Protein backbone atom coordinates (compact mmCIF):
# COMPACT_ATOMS: atom_id res chain seq x y z
CA MET A 1 52.29 -52.03 34.05
CA ASP A 2 51.21 -54.31 31.05
CA TRP A 3 53.74 -56.83 31.42
CA GLU A 4 51.85 -60.04 30.43
CA LYS A 5 52.46 -59.17 26.70
CA GLY A 6 56.22 -59.88 26.95
CA GLN A 7 58.22 -62.98 26.08
CA GLU A 8 59.64 -64.93 29.21
CA SER A 9 63.26 -65.14 29.37
CA GLU A 10 64.78 -68.55 29.36
CA ASN A 11 67.52 -67.25 31.71
CA VAL A 12 65.68 -67.75 34.89
CA GLU A 13 66.01 -70.54 37.44
CA ASP A 14 63.66 -70.83 40.20
CA ARG A 15 65.41 -72.51 43.37
CA ARG A 16 62.15 -72.11 45.60
CA GLY A 17 60.51 -74.98 46.95
CA MET A 18 63.89 -76.31 47.57
CA GLY A 19 65.81 -76.57 50.98
CA PRO A 20 68.67 -74.10 50.84
CA THR A 21 72.24 -75.36 49.81
CA THR A 22 74.68 -73.68 51.45
CA ILE A 23 78.67 -73.40 51.63
CA ALA A 24 80.80 -71.94 54.23
CA VAL A 25 81.82 -68.37 53.13
CA GLY A 26 85.63 -67.88 53.17
CA GLY A 27 87.32 -64.48 53.42
CA VAL A 28 87.06 -63.56 49.62
CA GLY A 29 83.55 -64.87 49.34
CA THR A 30 82.44 -62.84 52.32
CA LEU A 31 84.22 -59.81 51.15
CA ILE A 32 82.54 -59.96 47.84
CA VAL A 33 79.19 -60.27 49.27
CA LEU A 34 79.83 -57.13 51.40
CA LEU A 35 80.79 -55.18 48.46
CA ILE A 36 77.82 -56.18 46.43
CA GLY A 37 75.45 -53.31 45.69
CA LEU A 38 72.85 -54.15 48.24
CA PHE A 39 69.57 -52.67 46.96
CA LEU A 40 68.19 -52.07 50.62
CA GLY A 41 71.30 -50.46 51.85
CA VAL A 42 71.74 -53.09 54.46
CA ASP A 43 74.10 -52.05 57.30
CA PRO A 44 77.41 -53.76 57.06
CA GLN A 45 77.30 -54.90 60.53
CA LYS A 46 74.02 -56.57 60.42
CA LEU A 47 74.98 -58.07 57.09
CA ASN A 48 78.11 -59.76 58.59
CA GLN A 49 75.81 -60.98 61.34
CA LEU A 50 73.47 -62.55 58.86
CA ILE A 51 76.12 -64.13 56.83
CA GLY A 52 77.71 -65.32 60.04
CA ASN A 53 74.29 -66.97 61.00
CA ALA A 54 74.01 -68.65 57.47
CA GLN A 55 77.46 -70.07 57.98
CA VAL A 56 76.56 -71.58 61.31
CA GLN A 57 73.26 -72.80 60.09
CA GLY A 58 74.25 -74.03 56.72
CA GLY A 59 76.77 -76.78 57.42
CA GLY A 60 75.31 -79.34 55.11
CA ASN A 61 74.40 -79.61 51.45
CA ALA A 62 71.27 -81.50 51.58
CA GLN A 63 68.33 -80.40 49.50
CA VAL A 64 64.62 -80.99 50.25
CA PRO A 65 62.98 -82.32 47.15
CA GLN A 66 61.46 -79.58 44.77
CA ARG A 67 57.57 -78.96 45.79
CA ALA A 68 54.91 -77.73 43.28
CA PRO A 69 54.88 -73.76 43.27
CA THR A 70 51.94 -71.99 44.63
CA ALA A 71 50.03 -69.85 42.52
CA GLU A 72 51.86 -66.53 43.75
CA GLU A 73 55.14 -68.26 43.21
CA ASP A 74 54.16 -69.03 39.65
CA ARG A 75 53.17 -65.59 39.10
CA SER A 76 56.23 -64.05 40.48
CA ARG A 77 58.24 -66.50 38.32
CA ARG A 78 56.33 -65.29 35.15
CA PHE A 79 56.71 -61.69 36.05
CA ALA A 80 60.46 -61.90 36.63
CA ALA A 81 60.97 -63.92 33.53
CA LYS A 82 58.93 -61.32 31.41
CA ILE A 83 60.80 -58.24 32.81
CA LEU A 84 64.12 -60.00 32.24
CA GLY A 85 62.94 -60.77 28.63
CA PHE A 86 61.98 -57.09 28.19
CA THR A 87 65.71 -55.97 29.34
CA GLU A 88 67.17 -58.71 26.91
CA GLU A 89 65.11 -57.05 24.20
CA VAL A 90 66.19 -53.78 24.99
CA TRP A 91 69.83 -54.24 25.94
CA GLY A 92 70.32 -56.58 22.86
CA GLU A 93 69.32 -53.78 20.51
CA GLN A 94 71.12 -51.16 22.15
CA PHE A 95 74.30 -53.09 22.17
CA ARG A 96 73.71 -54.11 18.43
CA ARG A 97 73.38 -50.14 17.54
CA ALA A 98 76.84 -49.91 19.31
CA GLY A 99 78.47 -52.42 17.48
CA LYS A 100 78.56 -54.83 20.25
CA THR A 101 76.96 -58.00 21.44
CA TYR A 102 74.93 -58.25 24.56
CA ALA A 103 75.33 -61.46 26.74
CA PRO A 104 72.29 -61.36 29.05
CA PRO A 105 72.49 -62.32 32.68
CA HIS A 106 71.21 -65.41 34.38
CA MET A 107 68.53 -64.89 37.27
CA VAL A 108 68.08 -66.98 40.11
CA LEU A 109 65.00 -66.83 42.31
CA PHE A 110 65.34 -68.13 46.00
CA THR A 111 64.06 -68.00 49.31
CA GLU A 112 65.79 -67.62 52.63
CA GLU A 113 69.46 -67.80 51.47
CA VAL A 114 71.27 -68.53 48.21
CA GLN A 115 74.69 -70.01 47.10
CA THR A 116 76.39 -67.64 44.35
CA GLY A 117 79.40 -67.00 42.66
CA CYS A 118 80.27 -64.21 45.19
CA GLY A 119 79.69 -66.33 48.37
CA ASN A 120 76.50 -67.26 50.38
CA ALA A 121 73.89 -64.69 51.00
CA PRO A 122 70.75 -64.48 53.05
CA SER A 123 67.48 -62.95 51.53
CA ALA A 124 67.76 -60.09 53.94
CA VAL A 125 70.40 -58.48 51.53
CA GLY A 126 67.75 -57.86 49.11
CA PRO A 127 68.04 -58.29 45.20
CA PHE A 128 71.73 -58.05 44.15
CA TYR A 129 73.98 -58.75 41.01
CA CYS A 130 76.92 -61.06 41.33
CA PRO A 131 79.52 -60.10 38.69
CA ALA A 132 81.45 -63.42 39.11
CA ASP A 133 78.63 -65.44 37.87
CA ARG A 134 76.87 -62.73 35.94
CA THR A 135 73.73 -63.44 37.79
CA VAL A 136 70.79 -61.36 39.35
CA TYR A 137 69.47 -63.09 42.60
CA LEU A 138 66.08 -62.31 43.82
CA ASP A 139 64.07 -63.40 46.59
CA PRO A 140 60.56 -62.03 45.27
CA THR A 141 59.19 -61.75 48.72
CA PHE A 142 61.31 -58.38 48.77
CA PHE A 143 58.57 -57.11 46.71
CA ASP A 144 55.92 -57.65 49.55
CA GLU A 145 58.29 -55.28 51.82
CA LEU A 146 58.60 -52.88 49.00
CA GLN A 147 54.69 -52.61 48.61
CA GLN A 148 54.35 -52.24 52.33
CA ARG A 149 56.66 -49.22 52.05
CA LEU A 150 54.67 -47.81 49.25
CA GLY A 151 51.56 -47.93 51.41
CA GLY A 152 50.22 -51.34 50.20
CA SER A 153 49.62 -50.28 46.45
CA LYS A 154 50.40 -52.96 43.93
CA ALA A 155 53.08 -51.64 41.94
CA ASP A 156 54.55 -54.02 39.02
CA PHE A 157 56.43 -51.19 37.35
CA SER A 158 58.07 -50.41 40.57
CA ASN A 159 58.98 -54.14 40.95
CA ALA A 160 60.25 -53.96 37.33
CA TYR A 161 62.38 -51.10 38.23
CA VAL A 162 64.22 -53.15 40.91
CA ILE A 163 65.06 -55.78 38.29
CA ALA A 164 65.92 -53.33 35.91
CA HIS A 165 68.52 -51.61 38.39
CA GLU A 166 70.13 -55.23 39.09
CA VAL A 167 70.24 -55.82 35.14
CA GLY A 168 71.91 -52.12 35.10
CA HIS A 169 74.72 -53.69 37.09
CA HIS A 170 75.24 -56.30 34.64
CA VAL A 171 75.40 -53.78 31.94
CA GLN A 172 77.94 -51.83 33.80
CA ASN A 173 79.96 -55.23 34.20
CA LEU A 174 79.88 -55.90 30.49
CA LEU A 175 80.89 -52.00 29.86
CA GLY A 176 83.93 -52.23 32.17
CA TYR A 177 82.34 -49.70 34.81
CA SER A 178 82.30 -52.21 37.44
CA ARG A 179 85.90 -53.06 36.93
CA LEU A 180 86.84 -49.58 37.28
CA VAL A 181 85.28 -48.90 40.71
CA GLU A 182 86.51 -52.11 42.17
CA GLU A 183 90.02 -50.96 41.31
CA LYS A 184 89.26 -47.75 42.97
CA ARG A 185 87.62 -49.58 46.03
CA GLN A 186 90.94 -51.58 46.55
CA ARG A 187 93.41 -48.60 46.88
CA LEU A 188 91.02 -45.75 48.46
CA PRO A 189 90.03 -45.08 51.99
CA ARG A 190 86.84 -46.21 52.87
CA ALA A 191 84.91 -42.88 52.77
CA GLU A 192 86.37 -42.13 49.16
CA SER A 193 85.63 -45.63 48.36
CA ASN A 194 81.85 -45.29 49.29
CA LYS A 195 81.62 -42.42 47.00
CA TRP A 196 82.55 -44.49 43.79
CA SER A 197 80.05 -47.08 45.11
CA VAL A 198 77.39 -44.17 45.05
CA ARG A 199 78.39 -43.39 41.53
CA LEU A 200 77.91 -47.04 40.55
CA GLU A 201 74.57 -47.12 41.89
CA LEU A 202 73.23 -44.09 40.65
CA GLN A 203 74.52 -45.21 37.08
CA ALA A 204 72.46 -48.37 37.52
CA ASP A 205 69.42 -46.36 38.43
CA TYR A 206 70.15 -44.14 35.32
CA LEU A 207 70.41 -47.38 33.25
CA ALA A 208 67.10 -48.80 34.73
CA GLY A 209 65.55 -45.32 33.44
CA VAL A 210 67.02 -45.82 30.07
CA TRP A 211 65.70 -49.36 29.72
CA ALA A 212 62.11 -48.01 30.58
CA TYR A 213 62.57 -45.26 28.06
CA TYR A 214 63.28 -47.77 25.43
CA GLY A 215 61.11 -50.38 26.63
CA GLN A 216 58.07 -47.95 26.50
CA LYS A 217 58.82 -47.05 22.73
CA LYS A 218 59.19 -50.79 21.77
CA PHE A 219 56.46 -52.51 23.93
CA ASN A 220 54.35 -49.62 25.24
CA PHE A 221 54.09 -51.31 28.73
CA ILE A 222 53.89 -48.22 31.04
CA GLU A 223 50.44 -47.56 32.35
CA PRO A 224 48.94 -44.54 34.09
CA GLY A 225 50.53 -44.20 37.52
CA ASP A 226 53.58 -46.31 36.81
CA ILE A 227 56.05 -43.81 36.66
CA GLU A 228 55.08 -42.37 40.03
CA THR A 229 55.40 -45.88 41.76
CA ALA A 230 58.74 -46.32 40.45
CA ILE A 231 59.74 -42.85 41.70
CA ARG A 232 58.34 -43.60 45.15
CA SER A 233 60.49 -46.73 45.24
CA ALA A 234 63.64 -44.94 44.40
CA ASN A 235 62.70 -42.20 46.88
CA ALA A 236 61.95 -44.89 49.55
CA ILE A 237 65.44 -46.65 49.23
CA GLY A 238 67.71 -43.51 49.38
CA ASP A 239 70.60 -44.17 51.95
CA ASP A 240 69.53 -41.24 53.78
CA ARG A 241 65.81 -42.10 54.24
CA LEU A 242 67.17 -45.70 55.23
CA GLN A 243 69.62 -44.63 57.64
CA ARG A 244 67.24 -42.25 59.36
CA ARG A 245 64.57 -44.87 59.64
CA SER A 246 67.05 -47.53 61.07
CA ARG A 247 69.29 -45.29 63.15
CA GLY A 248 67.56 -42.06 63.76
CA PHE A 249 70.29 -40.04 62.06
CA VAL A 250 72.33 -40.03 58.81
CA SER A 251 76.08 -40.31 58.05
CA PRO A 252 76.76 -39.26 54.51
CA GLU A 253 80.21 -40.80 54.64
CA ASN A 254 78.74 -44.18 54.93
CA TYR A 255 76.44 -43.81 51.82
CA THR A 256 76.78 -46.37 49.37
CA HIS A 257 73.71 -45.91 47.21
CA GLY A 258 73.04 -42.49 47.12
CA THR A 259 70.22 -40.22 48.79
CA SER A 260 66.77 -40.56 47.81
CA ALA A 261 66.89 -37.32 45.79
CA GLN A 262 69.97 -38.50 43.95
CA ARG A 263 68.36 -41.85 43.08
CA VAL A 264 65.10 -40.14 41.82
CA LYS A 265 67.17 -37.49 39.86
CA TRP A 266 69.05 -40.21 37.86
CA PHE A 267 66.46 -42.66 37.49
CA THR A 268 64.15 -39.95 35.98
CA ARG A 269 66.81 -38.55 33.81
CA GLY A 270 67.41 -41.88 32.18
CA LEU A 271 63.72 -42.30 31.76
CA ARG A 272 63.25 -39.03 29.99
CA SER A 273 66.27 -38.91 27.80
CA GLY A 274 67.18 -42.54 27.02
CA ASP A 275 70.92 -41.16 26.39
CA LEU A 276 73.58 -43.64 27.01
CA GLY A 277 76.11 -40.81 26.42
CA ASN A 278 75.45 -39.64 29.91
CA LEU A 279 76.90 -42.96 31.69
CA LYS A 280 80.40 -41.25 31.69
CA GLN A 281 78.99 -38.27 33.14
CA ILE A 282 77.90 -39.91 36.27
CA PHE A 283 81.46 -40.63 36.95
CA GLU A 284 83.13 -37.33 35.86
CA VAL A 285 80.86 -34.57 37.50
CA PRO A 286 81.86 -33.31 41.05
CA TYR A 287 80.44 -35.71 43.75
CA ASN A 288 78.60 -32.75 45.28
CA GLU A 289 76.65 -32.38 42.05
CA LEU A 290 75.31 -35.76 41.58
């Protein structure tokens, strides 16, 4: 991916190099963290344990003075800032075409754990978007793990897809889809609630594809092999593959992000069409047709 040509977003805050600042997560904060679209599909029991450990270990508010970033940290910051800048350009233009104003999200880079408007979260949850403070949270070391899952290949566009997916959640928040799903979650039993979570995640994948469609037209940043790496990423993080890898079996009633095939399907559909008119379709088609 030819990402160096982009303009860096000014909405990136790098908290790495500082000691973690933590707060105890109360009932509401913990609930919101558990409901966040966790990109890696972390098992809820494991996530509860991780949050509990963060509460026990993070009793103070002291910070270690900021240190100078390493070369790799500087590169990852520039990459995140430029990808976020690409999303601001694309979504700003698409919102203007629709007669709306795009308010870009904030992005926080962190290590180990982070304090958010949705509660305290460890890096093990993966990249996530917090609607309460309209911020994307990212520990860039996640990309190292993703790279290992893809066979060690360097995949900047695959990493950009991850960021674009989380920004997609911000777009959903601005358009009211996130609120719609949250209302359904509050009144539906868990199995039905999970189905709406799947729809929301697949819509974010679709939005990531739409972003790439218009980003390529505007910036010509996609290089040979890039699309294949993004598809491999989407395929690697489907609920079915993650469950089979961690448990040895799958339980569709516990899916929250969609299968590998579904994630690939909706990302590629957005990438090929760029049609924002399909956003409602993801919420309207029968669940077994997603």
